């Protein structure tokens, strides 16, 4: 009798089209243990932040920490986003999935915001229904419905922090603001002001 993995492989190989739904379980399967726990990797990259905010056990909880200021918040966000953009998965789970799909028609529906799927699959075949850390949105989406590429802001912030001893402070002029309204920008991830605009739809 075939085990469940072999059965799944047979189903995939026999399918005309594939719809993949994935969330935090995919991150766990890929060995990315820094999201919800103070893992060794998390402490290596965010040890100073963790020392100041011990309640922030993992990147996700760090995002919701009680920051002392917007300057501290954006120092953390810049470092967090840079980490997300560059840190590879521990296991080859995404590549295995890609190999299984091969050239069949597919679409991915994911609540993950780390754009890890985008490293392996075509951007237009991925629906990120909870947002995407690669983008920023206005804090007032009702008057500014644009998404802005977060990576230039992150690059400038990291260049500044690389020169500083205190890596938990970003000056006001490096905190991103909308070029349209001048209002603060915030990561495009699910929140009360989450922008359900053109990319989302």
N, C-alpha and C. Protein backbone atom coordinates (compact mmCIF):
# COMPACT_ATOMS: atom_id res chain seq x y z
N UNK A 1 0.84 -1.19 0.00
CA UNK A 1 0.00 0.00 0.00
C UNK A 1 0.89 1.25 0.00
N UNK A 2 0.53 2.20 -0.84
CA UNK A 2 1.32 3.42 -0.95
C UNK A 2 1.10 4.32 0.26
N UNK A 3 2.16 5.01 0.65
CA UNK A 3 2.00 5.96 1.74
C UNK A 3 1.40 7.26 1.20
N UNK A 4 1.08 8.18 2.11
CA UNK A 4 0.38 9.41 1.72
C UNK A 4 1.20 10.27 0.76
N UNK A 5 2.50 10.31 0.95
CA UNK A 5 3.35 11.12 0.08
C UNK A 5 3.33 10.56 -1.35
N UNK A 6 3.41 9.25 -1.47
CA UNK A 6 3.37 8.64 -2.80
C UNK A 6 2.01 8.86 -3.46
N UNK A 7 0.94 8.77 -2.67
CA UNK A 7 -0.40 9.03 -3.20
C UNK A 7 -0.53 10.46 -3.69
N UNK A 8 0.00 11.40 -2.90
CA UNK A 8 -0.05 12.81 -3.29
C UNK A 8 0.72 13.03 -4.59
N UNK A 9 1.87 12.41 -4.70
CA UNK A 9 2.67 12.55 -5.92
C UNK A 9 1.90 12.03 -7.13
N UNK A 10 1.20 10.90 -6.97
CA UNK A 10 0.40 10.36 -8.07
C UNK A 10 -0.70 11.32 -8.48
N UNK A 11 -1.36 11.91 -7.47
CA UNK A 11 -2.43 12.87 -7.76
C UNK A 11 -1.89 14.06 -8.53
N UNK A 12 -0.75 14.59 -8.09
CA UNK A 12 -0.14 15.73 -8.77
C UNK A 12 0.22 15.38 -10.22
N UNK A 13 0.79 14.22 -10.41
CA UNK A 13 1.21 13.82 -11.76
C UNK A 13 0.02 13.60 -12.69
N UNK A 14 -1.13 13.25 -12.11
CA UNK A 14 -2.33 13.00 -12.93
C UNK A 14 -3.19 14.25 -13.11
N UNK A 15 -2.83 15.34 -12.48
CA UNK A 15 -3.68 16.54 -12.49
C UNK A 15 -3.49 17.36 -13.76
N UNK A 16 -4.59 17.95 -14.22
CA UNK A 16 -4.53 18.88 -15.35
C UNK A 16 -4.10 20.27 -14.89
N UNK A 17 -4.49 20.63 -13.68
CA UNK A 17 -4.12 21.92 -13.10
C UNK A 17 -4.05 21.75 -11.59
N UNK A 18 -3.27 22.61 -10.95
CA UNK A 18 -3.01 22.45 -9.52
C UNK A 18 -3.24 23.79 -8.81
N UNK A 19 -4.02 23.76 -7.73
CA UNK A 19 -4.20 24.91 -6.86
C UNK A 19 -3.55 24.58 -5.52
N UNK A 20 -2.61 25.41 -5.12
CA UNK A 20 -1.86 25.18 -3.89
C UNK A 20 -2.28 26.22 -2.86
N UNK A 21 -2.67 25.75 -1.69
CA UNK A 21 -2.94 26.63 -0.57
C UNK A 21 -1.87 26.42 0.49
N UNK A 22 -1.24 27.49 0.94
CA UNK A 22 -0.14 27.34 1.89
C UNK A 22 -0.09 28.51 2.87
N UNK A 23 0.31 28.20 4.09
CA UNK A 23 0.47 29.22 5.11
C UNK A 23 1.71 28.96 5.94
N UNK A 24 1.59 29.17 7.23
CA UNK A 24 2.78 29.06 8.09
C UNK A 24 3.33 27.65 8.15
N UNK A 25 2.50 26.65 7.84
CA UNK A 25 2.99 25.28 7.80
C UNK A 25 4.08 25.09 6.77
N UNK A 26 3.99 25.85 5.67
CA UNK A 26 5.03 25.77 4.64
C UNK A 26 6.35 26.31 5.18
N UNK A 27 6.29 27.40 5.94
CA UNK A 27 7.49 27.96 6.55
C UNK A 27 8.11 26.96 7.52
N UNK A 28 7.25 26.32 8.31
CA UNK A 28 7.76 25.33 9.27
C UNK A 28 8.39 24.15 8.54
N UNK A 29 7.73 23.70 7.46
CA UNK A 29 8.27 22.57 6.70
C UNK A 29 9.61 22.90 6.06
N UNK A 30 9.82 24.18 5.75
CA UNK A 30 11.08 24.62 5.16
C UNK A 30 12.13 24.94 6.21
N UNK A 31 11.82 24.70 7.49
CA UNK A 31 12.79 24.87 8.56
C UNK A 31 13.01 26.30 9.00
N UNK A 32 12.10 27.21 8.64
CA UNK A 32 12.26 28.62 9.00
C UNK A 32 11.66 28.85 10.38
N UNK A 33 12.45 28.57 11.41
CA UNK A 33 11.95 28.58 12.78
C UNK A 33 12.07 29.93 13.48
N UNK A 34 12.36 30.95 12.73
CA UNK A 34 12.57 32.27 13.34
C UNK A 34 11.31 33.12 13.38
N UNK A 35 10.23 32.65 12.82
CA UNK A 35 9.01 33.47 12.79
C UNK A 35 8.35 33.58 14.15
N UNK A 36 8.23 32.45 14.85
CA UNK A 36 7.42 32.43 16.07
C UNK A 36 8.22 32.02 17.31
N UNK A 37 9.51 31.90 17.19
CA UNK A 37 10.29 31.54 18.36
C UNK A 37 11.67 32.20 18.32
N UNK A 38 12.24 32.34 19.50
CA UNK A 38 13.57 32.95 19.60
C UNK A 38 14.62 31.88 19.29
N UNK A 39 14.66 31.48 18.05
CA UNK A 39 15.58 30.44 17.60
C UNK A 39 17.01 30.99 17.56
N UNK A 40 18.00 30.11 17.42
CA UNK A 40 19.38 30.60 17.31
C UNK A 40 19.57 31.58 16.15
N UNK A 41 18.92 31.35 15.02
CA UNK A 41 19.04 32.27 13.89
C UNK A 41 18.46 33.63 14.24
N UNK A 42 17.30 33.63 14.89
CA UNK A 42 16.67 34.88 15.32
C UNK A 42 17.58 35.65 16.28
N UNK A 43 18.14 34.95 17.26
CA UNK A 43 19.02 35.61 18.22
C UNK A 43 20.29 36.13 17.57
N UNK A 44 20.77 35.41 16.57
CA UNK A 44 21.97 35.85 15.86
C UNK A 44 21.76 37.19 15.16
N UNK A 45 20.60 37.36 14.55
CA UNK A 45 20.33 38.57 13.77
C UNK A 45 19.63 39.67 14.56
N UNK A 46 18.90 39.29 15.61
CA UNK A 46 18.09 40.28 16.34
C UNK A 46 18.32 40.21 17.85
N UNK A 47 19.51 39.76 18.25
CA UNK A 47 19.80 39.61 19.67
C UNK A 47 19.68 40.91 20.45
N UNK A 48 20.13 42.02 19.87
CA UNK A 48 20.04 43.30 20.58
C UNK A 48 18.59 43.73 20.76
N UNK A 49 17.79 43.51 19.75
CA UNK A 49 16.36 43.85 19.84
C UNK A 49 15.67 42.94 20.85
N UNK A 50 16.00 41.67 20.81
CA UNK A 50 15.40 40.70 21.73
C UNK A 50 15.76 41.02 23.18
N UNK A 51 16.97 41.50 23.40
CA UNK A 51 17.38 41.87 24.75
C UNK A 51 16.54 43.03 25.28
N UNK A 52 16.17 43.94 24.40
CA UNK A 52 15.35 45.08 24.81
C UNK A 52 13.87 44.71 24.89
N UNK A 53 13.44 43.78 24.03
CA UNK A 53 12.03 43.37 23.97
C UNK A 53 11.94 41.84 24.10
N UNK A 54 12.15 41.31 25.30
CA UNK A 54 12.15 39.85 25.47
C UNK A 54 10.81 39.19 25.16
N UNK A 55 9.74 40.00 25.11
CA UNK A 55 8.44 39.44 24.73
C UNK A 55 8.37 39.12 23.24
N UNK A 56 9.30 39.68 22.46
CA UNK A 56 9.31 39.50 21.01
C UNK A 56 10.07 38.24 20.64
N UNK A 57 9.46 37.11 20.92
CA UNK A 57 10.10 35.82 20.63
C UNK A 57 9.82 35.44 19.18
N UNK A 58 10.65 35.93 18.30
CA UNK A 58 10.51 35.66 16.87
C UNK A 58 10.17 36.91 16.08
N UNK A 59 10.39 36.83 14.79
CA UNK A 59 10.19 37.97 13.91
C UNK A 59 8.75 38.48 13.94
N UNK A 60 7.79 37.56 13.90
CA UNK A 60 6.38 37.97 13.84
C UNK A 60 5.98 38.74 15.09
N UNK A 61 6.37 38.24 16.26
CA UNK A 61 6.04 38.95 17.50
C UNK A 61 6.82 40.26 17.59
N UNK A 62 8.01 40.28 17.00
CA UNK A 62 8.77 41.52 16.96
C UNK A 62 8.05 42.61 16.20
N UNK A 63 7.36 42.23 15.15
CA UNK A 63 6.60 43.19 14.35
C UNK A 63 5.54 43.91 15.20
N UNK A 64 5.02 43.21 16.21
CA UNK A 64 3.97 43.79 17.05
C UNK A 64 4.49 44.24 18.42
N UNK A 65 5.79 44.41 18.55
CA UNK A 65 6.36 44.85 19.82
C UNK A 65 5.89 46.25 20.18
N UNK A 66 5.99 46.59 21.45
CA UNK A 66 5.65 47.95 21.90
C UNK A 66 6.90 48.82 21.77
N UNK A 67 7.07 49.37 20.61
CA UNK A 67 8.26 50.15 20.32
C UNK A 67 8.25 51.46 21.10
N UNK A 68 9.44 51.94 21.42
CA UNK A 68 9.55 53.20 22.16
C UNK A 68 9.30 54.40 21.28
N UNK A 69 9.47 54.23 19.95
CA UNK A 69 9.29 55.34 19.02
C UNK A 69 9.17 54.77 17.61
N UNK A 70 8.76 55.61 16.67
CA UNK A 70 8.74 55.21 15.26
C UNK A 70 10.16 54.98 14.76
N UNK A 71 11.12 55.67 15.35
CA UNK A 71 12.52 55.50 14.95
C UNK A 71 13.01 54.10 15.30
N UNK A 72 12.63 53.61 16.48
CA UNK A 72 12.99 52.25 16.85
C UNK A 72 12.21 51.25 16.01
N UNK A 73 10.94 51.51 15.80
CA UNK A 73 10.11 50.60 15.00
C UNK A 73 10.69 50.42 13.61
N UNK A 74 11.08 51.52 12.97
CA UNK A 74 11.58 51.40 11.60
C UNK A 74 12.99 50.82 11.54
N UNK A 75 13.77 51.01 12.58
CA UNK A 75 15.07 50.33 12.61
C UNK A 75 14.85 48.82 12.62
N UNK A 76 13.88 48.38 13.44
CA UNK A 76 13.57 46.95 13.45
C UNK A 76 13.00 46.50 12.11
N UNK A 77 12.05 47.26 11.55
CA UNK A 77 11.42 46.86 10.30
C UNK A 77 12.44 46.76 9.16
N UNK A 78 13.34 47.71 9.09
CA UNK A 78 14.36 47.68 8.04
C UNK A 78 15.21 46.43 8.16
N UNK A 79 15.65 46.12 9.36
CA UNK A 79 16.46 44.92 9.57
C UNK A 79 15.65 43.65 9.30
N UNK A 80 14.40 43.64 9.76
CA UNK A 80 13.54 42.49 9.55
C UNK A 80 13.30 42.25 8.07
N UNK A 81 12.97 43.31 7.33
CA UNK A 81 12.69 43.17 5.91
C UNK A 81 13.94 42.74 5.15
N UNK A 82 15.07 43.31 5.48
CA UNK A 82 16.31 42.90 4.81
C UNK A 82 16.58 41.43 5.07
N UNK A 83 16.35 40.98 6.29
CA UNK A 83 16.52 39.57 6.64
C UNK A 83 15.58 38.70 5.81
N UNK A 84 14.32 39.09 5.73
CA UNK A 84 13.34 38.31 4.96
C UNK A 84 13.72 38.23 3.49
N UNK A 85 14.22 39.32 2.95
CA UNK A 85 14.57 39.33 1.52
C UNK A 85 15.74 38.39 1.20
N UNK A 86 16.62 38.18 2.15
CA UNK A 86 17.87 37.49 1.83
C UNK A 86 18.07 36.13 2.51
N UNK A 87 17.38 35.88 3.62
CA UNK A 87 17.61 34.64 4.34
C UNK A 87 17.03 33.45 3.56
N UNK A 88 17.82 32.44 3.26
CA UNK A 88 17.29 31.29 2.53
C UNK A 88 16.55 30.33 3.46
N UNK A 89 15.63 29.53 2.91
CA UNK A 89 15.01 28.50 3.73
C UNK A 89 16.05 27.46 4.13
N UNK A 90 15.81 26.79 5.24
CA UNK A 90 16.76 25.79 5.74
C UNK A 90 16.67 24.51 4.91
N UNK A 91 15.45 24.12 4.57
CA UNK A 91 15.21 22.89 3.81
C UNK A 91 14.76 23.23 2.39
N UNK A 92 14.82 22.25 1.50
CA UNK A 92 14.53 22.48 0.09
C UNK A 92 13.06 22.25 -0.26
N UNK A 93 12.17 22.53 0.68
CA UNK A 93 10.74 22.26 0.52
C UNK A 93 10.15 22.95 -0.71
N UNK A 94 10.49 24.19 -0.92
CA UNK A 94 9.95 24.93 -2.07
C UNK A 94 10.43 24.34 -3.39
N UNK A 95 11.70 23.98 -3.44
CA UNK A 95 12.24 23.40 -4.67
C UNK A 95 11.61 22.05 -4.95
N UNK A 96 11.37 21.25 -3.92
CA UNK A 96 10.71 19.95 -4.10
C UNK A 96 9.32 20.15 -4.68
N UNK A 97 8.59 21.13 -4.14
CA UNK A 97 7.25 21.43 -4.66
C UNK A 97 7.31 21.86 -6.12
N UNK A 98 8.27 22.71 -6.44
CA UNK A 98 8.42 23.15 -7.83
C UNK A 98 8.72 21.97 -8.75
N UNK A 99 9.58 21.09 -8.31
CA UNK A 99 9.91 19.91 -9.11
C UNK A 99 8.70 19.01 -9.32
N UNK A 100 7.84 18.91 -8.31
CA UNK A 100 6.64 18.08 -8.43
C UNK A 100 5.66 18.67 -9.43
N UNK A 101 5.51 19.98 -9.41
CA UNK A 101 4.55 20.64 -10.31
C UNK A 101 5.01 20.57 -11.77
N UNK A 102 6.30 20.70 -11.97
CA UNK A 102 6.90 20.69 -13.31
C UNK A 102 6.24 21.76 -14.18
N UNK A 103 5.71 21.39 -15.34
CA UNK A 103 5.18 22.40 -16.25
C UNK A 103 3.66 22.43 -16.28
N UNK A 104 3.01 21.91 -15.26
CA UNK A 104 1.54 21.90 -15.23
C UNK A 104 1.00 23.28 -14.87
N UNK A 105 -0.19 23.61 -15.35
CA UNK A 105 -0.82 24.88 -14.92
C UNK A 105 -1.05 24.86 -13.41
N UNK A 106 -0.74 25.97 -12.76
CA UNK A 106 -0.88 26.01 -11.31
C UNK A 106 -1.21 27.42 -10.86
N UNK A 107 -1.70 27.53 -9.65
CA UNK A 107 -1.83 28.82 -8.98
C UNK A 107 -1.63 28.58 -7.49
N UNK A 108 -1.00 29.56 -6.84
CA UNK A 108 -0.69 29.46 -5.42
C UNK A 108 -1.46 30.53 -4.66
N UNK A 109 -2.19 30.11 -3.66
CA UNK A 109 -2.92 31.01 -2.77
C UNK A 109 -2.27 30.90 -1.41
N UNK A 110 -1.66 31.98 -0.94
CA UNK A 110 -0.89 31.88 0.30
C UNK A 110 -1.17 33.04 1.25
N UNK A 111 -1.17 32.73 2.53
CA UNK A 111 -1.24 33.75 3.56
C UNK A 111 0.14 34.20 3.99
N UNK A 112 1.18 33.52 3.50
CA UNK A 112 2.56 33.92 3.83
C UNK A 112 2.89 35.25 3.16
N UNK A 113 3.60 36.08 3.88
CA UNK A 113 3.91 37.43 3.39
C UNK A 113 5.38 37.62 3.05
N UNK A 114 6.15 36.53 3.14
CA UNK A 114 7.60 36.63 3.01
C UNK A 114 8.13 36.54 1.59
N UNK A 115 7.23 36.40 0.61
CA UNK A 115 7.62 36.32 -0.81
C UNK A 115 8.55 35.15 -1.11
N UNK A 116 8.58 34.15 -0.25
CA UNK A 116 9.43 33.00 -0.49
C UNK A 116 8.95 32.23 -1.72
N UNK A 117 7.64 32.13 -1.89
CA UNK A 117 7.11 31.47 -3.09
C UNK A 117 7.60 32.17 -4.36
N UNK A 118 7.75 33.49 -4.29
CA UNK A 118 8.17 34.26 -5.47
C UNK A 118 9.60 33.97 -5.89
N UNK A 119 10.38 33.37 -5.01
CA UNK A 119 11.74 32.99 -5.37
C UNK A 119 11.74 31.75 -6.28
N UNK A 120 10.65 31.00 -6.25
CA UNK A 120 10.61 29.72 -6.96
C UNK A 120 9.55 29.66 -8.06
N UNK A 121 8.52 30.49 -7.94
CA UNK A 121 7.39 30.41 -8.86
C UNK A 121 7.11 31.78 -9.48
N UNK A 122 6.39 31.77 -10.60
CA UNK A 122 6.09 33.00 -11.32
C UNK A 122 5.21 33.92 -10.49
N UNK A 123 5.57 35.19 -10.45
CA UNK A 123 4.87 36.18 -9.64
C UNK A 123 3.38 36.23 -9.96
N UNK A 124 3.04 36.15 -11.24
CA UNK A 124 1.64 36.27 -11.65
C UNK A 124 0.81 35.03 -11.29
N UNK A 125 1.45 33.98 -10.81
CA UNK A 125 0.74 32.77 -10.42
C UNK A 125 0.58 32.65 -8.89
N UNK A 126 0.84 33.75 -8.20
CA UNK A 126 0.79 33.74 -6.73
C UNK A 126 -0.15 34.82 -6.23
N UNK A 127 -1.13 34.42 -5.41
CA UNK A 127 -2.02 35.38 -4.76
C UNK A 127 -1.66 35.46 -3.28
N UNK A 128 -1.16 36.61 -2.88
CA UNK A 128 -0.77 36.83 -1.48
C UNK A 128 -1.89 37.57 -0.78
N UNK A 129 -2.84 36.84 -0.27
CA UNK A 129 -4.08 37.44 0.21
C UNK A 129 -3.92 38.19 1.53
N UNK A 130 -2.78 38.03 2.20
CA UNK A 130 -2.53 38.77 3.45
C UNK A 130 -1.46 39.83 3.27
N UNK A 131 -1.04 40.07 2.02
CA UNK A 131 -0.03 41.09 1.77
C UNK A 131 1.32 40.49 1.43
N UNK A 132 2.30 41.38 1.34
CA UNK A 132 3.62 40.99 0.85
C UNK A 132 4.63 41.98 1.43
N UNK A 133 5.64 41.47 2.14
CA UNK A 133 6.62 42.33 2.80
C UNK A 133 7.47 43.13 1.82
N UNK A 134 7.38 42.86 0.54
CA UNK A 134 8.18 43.61 -0.45
C UNK A 134 7.56 44.97 -0.77
N UNK A 135 6.37 45.23 -0.22
CA UNK A 135 5.68 46.48 -0.55
C UNK A 135 5.30 47.25 0.70
N UNK A 136 5.20 48.56 0.51
CA UNK A 136 4.67 49.45 1.53
C UNK A 136 3.38 50.07 1.01
N UNK A 137 2.53 50.47 1.93
CA UNK A 137 1.30 51.16 1.58
C UNK A 137 1.14 52.38 2.46
N UNK A 138 0.25 53.28 2.06
CA UNK A 138 -0.02 54.44 2.88
C UNK A 138 -0.76 54.05 4.14
N UNK A 139 -0.53 54.80 5.19
CA UNK A 139 -1.30 54.61 6.41
C UNK A 139 -2.72 55.14 6.25
N UNK A 140 -2.98 55.83 5.14
CA UNK A 140 -4.33 56.33 4.81
C UNK A 140 -4.69 55.84 3.40
N UNK A 141 -4.97 54.54 3.25
CA UNK A 141 -5.21 53.99 1.91
C UNK A 141 -6.45 54.54 1.21
N UNK A 142 -7.35 55.15 1.96
CA UNK A 142 -8.55 55.71 1.34
C UNK A 142 -8.23 56.91 0.46
N UNK A 143 -7.06 57.53 0.66
CA UNK A 143 -6.68 58.67 -0.19
C UNK A 143 -5.42 58.39 -0.99
N UNK A 144 -4.76 57.27 -0.73
CA UNK A 144 -3.56 56.88 -1.48
C UNK A 144 -3.60 55.37 -1.65
N UNK A 145 -4.01 54.92 -2.84
CA UNK A 145 -4.19 53.49 -3.06
C UNK A 145 -3.04 52.86 -3.85
N UNK A 146 -1.84 53.44 -3.69
CA UNK A 146 -0.67 52.91 -4.38
C UNK A 146 0.12 51.97 -3.46
N UNK A 147 0.80 51.02 -4.08
CA UNK A 147 1.79 50.23 -3.37
C UNK A 147 3.16 50.73 -3.78
N UNK A 148 4.08 50.76 -2.82
CA UNK A 148 5.43 51.27 -3.07
C UNK A 148 6.44 50.16 -2.78
N UNK A 149 7.44 50.05 -3.62
CA UNK A 149 8.48 49.06 -3.43
C UNK A 149 9.24 49.38 -2.15
N UNK A 150 9.26 48.45 -1.22
CA UNK A 150 9.92 48.68 0.06
C UNK A 150 11.43 48.59 -0.03
N UNK A 151 11.93 47.91 -1.06
CA UNK A 151 13.36 47.58 -1.09
C UNK A 151 14.29 48.79 -1.15
N UNK A 152 13.98 49.86 -1.89
CA UNK A 152 14.87 51.03 -1.83
C UNK A 152 14.95 51.65 -0.44
N UNK A 153 13.82 51.71 0.27
CA UNK A 153 13.83 52.23 1.64
C UNK A 153 14.69 51.34 2.55
N UNK A 154 14.52 50.04 2.39
CA UNK A 154 15.27 49.09 3.21
C UNK A 154 16.76 49.21 2.93
N UNK A 155 17.12 49.34 1.67
CA UNK A 155 18.54 49.45 1.29
C UNK A 155 19.17 50.70 1.94
N UNK A 156 18.48 51.82 1.87
CA UNK A 156 19.01 53.06 2.46
C UNK A 156 19.11 52.92 3.99
N UNK A 157 18.09 52.32 4.58
CA UNK A 157 18.11 52.13 6.02
C UNK A 157 19.24 51.22 6.47
N UNK A 158 19.47 50.16 5.73
CA UNK A 158 20.55 49.23 6.09
C UNK A 158 21.92 49.87 5.91
N UNK A 159 22.07 50.69 4.89
CA UNK A 159 23.34 51.40 4.69
C UNK A 159 23.62 52.32 5.87
N UNK A 160 22.58 52.98 6.38
CA UNK A 160 22.75 53.84 7.55
C UNK A 160 23.11 53.02 8.78
N UNK A 161 22.32 51.96 9.04
CA UNK A 161 22.53 51.16 10.24
C UNK A 161 23.88 50.47 10.26
N UNK A 162 24.40 50.16 9.08
CA UNK A 162 25.71 49.50 9.00
C UNK A 162 26.82 50.38 9.58
N UNK A 163 26.58 51.69 9.60
CA UNK A 163 27.59 52.62 10.09
C UNK A 163 27.38 52.98 11.57
N UNK A 164 26.33 52.43 12.18
CA UNK A 164 25.97 52.84 13.54
C UNK A 164 26.25 51.73 14.55
N UNK A 165 26.63 52.15 15.74
CA UNK A 165 26.77 51.19 16.83
C UNK A 165 25.41 50.77 17.35
N UNK A 166 24.50 51.76 17.48
CA UNK A 166 23.13 51.48 17.90
C UNK A 166 22.29 51.18 16.67
N UNK A 167 21.91 49.93 16.50
CA UNK A 167 21.17 49.53 15.31
C UNK A 167 19.67 49.43 15.60
N UNK A 168 19.24 50.13 16.64
CA UNK A 168 17.82 50.14 17.00
C UNK A 168 17.23 51.55 16.89
N UNK A 169 17.84 52.35 16.03
CA UNK A 169 17.35 53.71 15.83
C UNK A 169 17.57 54.12 14.38
N UNK A 170 16.48 54.57 13.74
CA UNK A 170 16.56 55.09 12.37
C UNK A 170 16.11 56.54 12.40
N UNK A 171 16.85 57.46 11.83
CA UNK A 171 16.48 58.89 11.89
C UNK A 171 15.20 59.17 11.09
N UNK A 172 14.59 60.29 11.42
CA UNK A 172 13.31 60.66 10.79
C UNK A 172 13.38 60.67 9.27
N UNK A 173 14.48 61.15 8.72
CA UNK A 173 14.54 61.31 7.26
C UNK A 173 14.65 59.98 6.51
N UNK A 174 14.85 58.89 7.23
CA UNK A 174 14.89 57.58 6.59
C UNK A 174 13.61 56.77 6.81
N UNK A 175 12.67 57.33 7.55
CA UNK A 175 11.36 56.69 7.72
C UNK A 175 10.53 56.99 6.48
N UNK A 176 10.01 55.98 5.81
CA UNK A 176 9.35 56.21 4.52
C UNK A 176 8.00 56.92 4.63
N UNK A 177 7.80 57.84 3.68
CA UNK A 177 6.55 58.58 3.56
C UNK A 177 6.07 58.50 2.12
N UNK A 178 4.77 58.61 1.95
CA UNK A 178 4.18 58.56 0.62
C UNK A 178 4.62 59.75 -0.21
N UNK A 179 5.13 59.52 -1.44
CA UNK A 179 5.46 60.65 -2.31
C UNK A 179 4.21 61.38 -2.81
N UNK A 180 3.06 60.76 -2.64
CA UNK A 180 1.80 61.36 -3.11
C UNK A 180 1.20 62.29 -2.06
N UNK A 181 1.16 61.83 -0.81
CA UNK A 181 0.49 62.60 0.24
C UNK A 181 1.43 63.08 1.34
N UNK A 182 2.62 62.51 1.42
CA UNK A 182 3.54 62.85 2.49
C UNK A 182 3.24 62.13 3.79
N UNK A 183 2.20 61.30 3.81
CA UNK A 183 1.84 60.57 5.03
C UNK A 183 2.75 59.36 5.21
N UNK A 184 2.86 58.88 6.44
CA UNK A 184 3.73 57.72 6.69
C UNK A 184 3.30 56.49 5.89
N UNK A 185 4.28 55.71 5.49
CA UNK A 185 4.02 54.42 4.87
C UNK A 185 4.16 53.32 5.92
N UNK A 186 3.56 52.19 5.63
CA UNK A 186 3.61 51.05 6.53
C UNK A 186 3.67 49.78 5.69
N UNK A 187 4.20 48.70 6.20
CA UNK A 187 4.26 47.46 5.40
C UNK A 187 2.88 47.03 4.92
N UNK A 188 2.85 46.50 3.71
CA UNK A 188 1.59 46.04 3.11
C UNK A 188 1.30 44.61 3.58
N UNK A 189 0.82 44.52 4.81
CA UNK A 189 0.42 43.24 5.39
C UNK A 189 -0.89 43.47 6.13
N UNK A 190 -1.61 42.38 6.34
CA UNK A 190 -2.95 42.45 6.91
C UNK A 190 -2.97 43.26 8.20
N UNK A 191 -3.85 44.26 8.23
CA UNK A 191 -4.01 45.15 9.38
C UNK A 191 -5.35 45.85 9.20
N UNK A 192 -5.78 46.66 10.18
CA UNK A 192 -7.05 47.37 10.01
C UNK A 192 -7.07 48.29 8.79
N UNK A 193 -5.89 48.81 8.38
CA UNK A 193 -5.85 49.71 7.21
C UNK A 193 -5.29 49.02 5.96
N UNK A 194 -5.32 47.68 5.94
CA UNK A 194 -4.77 46.91 4.82
C UNK A 194 -5.40 47.34 3.50
N UNK A 195 -4.55 47.63 2.52
CA UNK A 195 -5.01 48.10 1.21
C UNK A 195 -5.41 46.91 0.32
N UNK A 196 -6.70 46.79 0.07
CA UNK A 196 -7.19 45.78 -0.86
C UNK A 196 -7.40 46.47 -2.21
N UNK A 197 -6.28 46.74 -2.86
CA UNK A 197 -6.29 47.49 -4.11
C UNK A 197 -6.11 46.61 -5.32
N UNK A 198 -5.44 47.16 -6.34
CA UNK A 198 -5.32 46.46 -7.62
C UNK A 198 -4.54 45.17 -7.49
N UNK A 199 -3.41 45.20 -6.81
CA UNK A 199 -2.62 43.97 -6.69
C UNK A 199 -3.37 42.90 -5.91
N UNK A 200 -4.03 43.31 -4.85
CA UNK A 200 -4.80 42.35 -4.05
C UNK A 200 -5.90 41.71 -4.89
N UNK A 201 -6.63 42.52 -5.62
CA UNK A 201 -7.75 42.00 -6.42
C UNK A 201 -7.25 41.17 -7.60
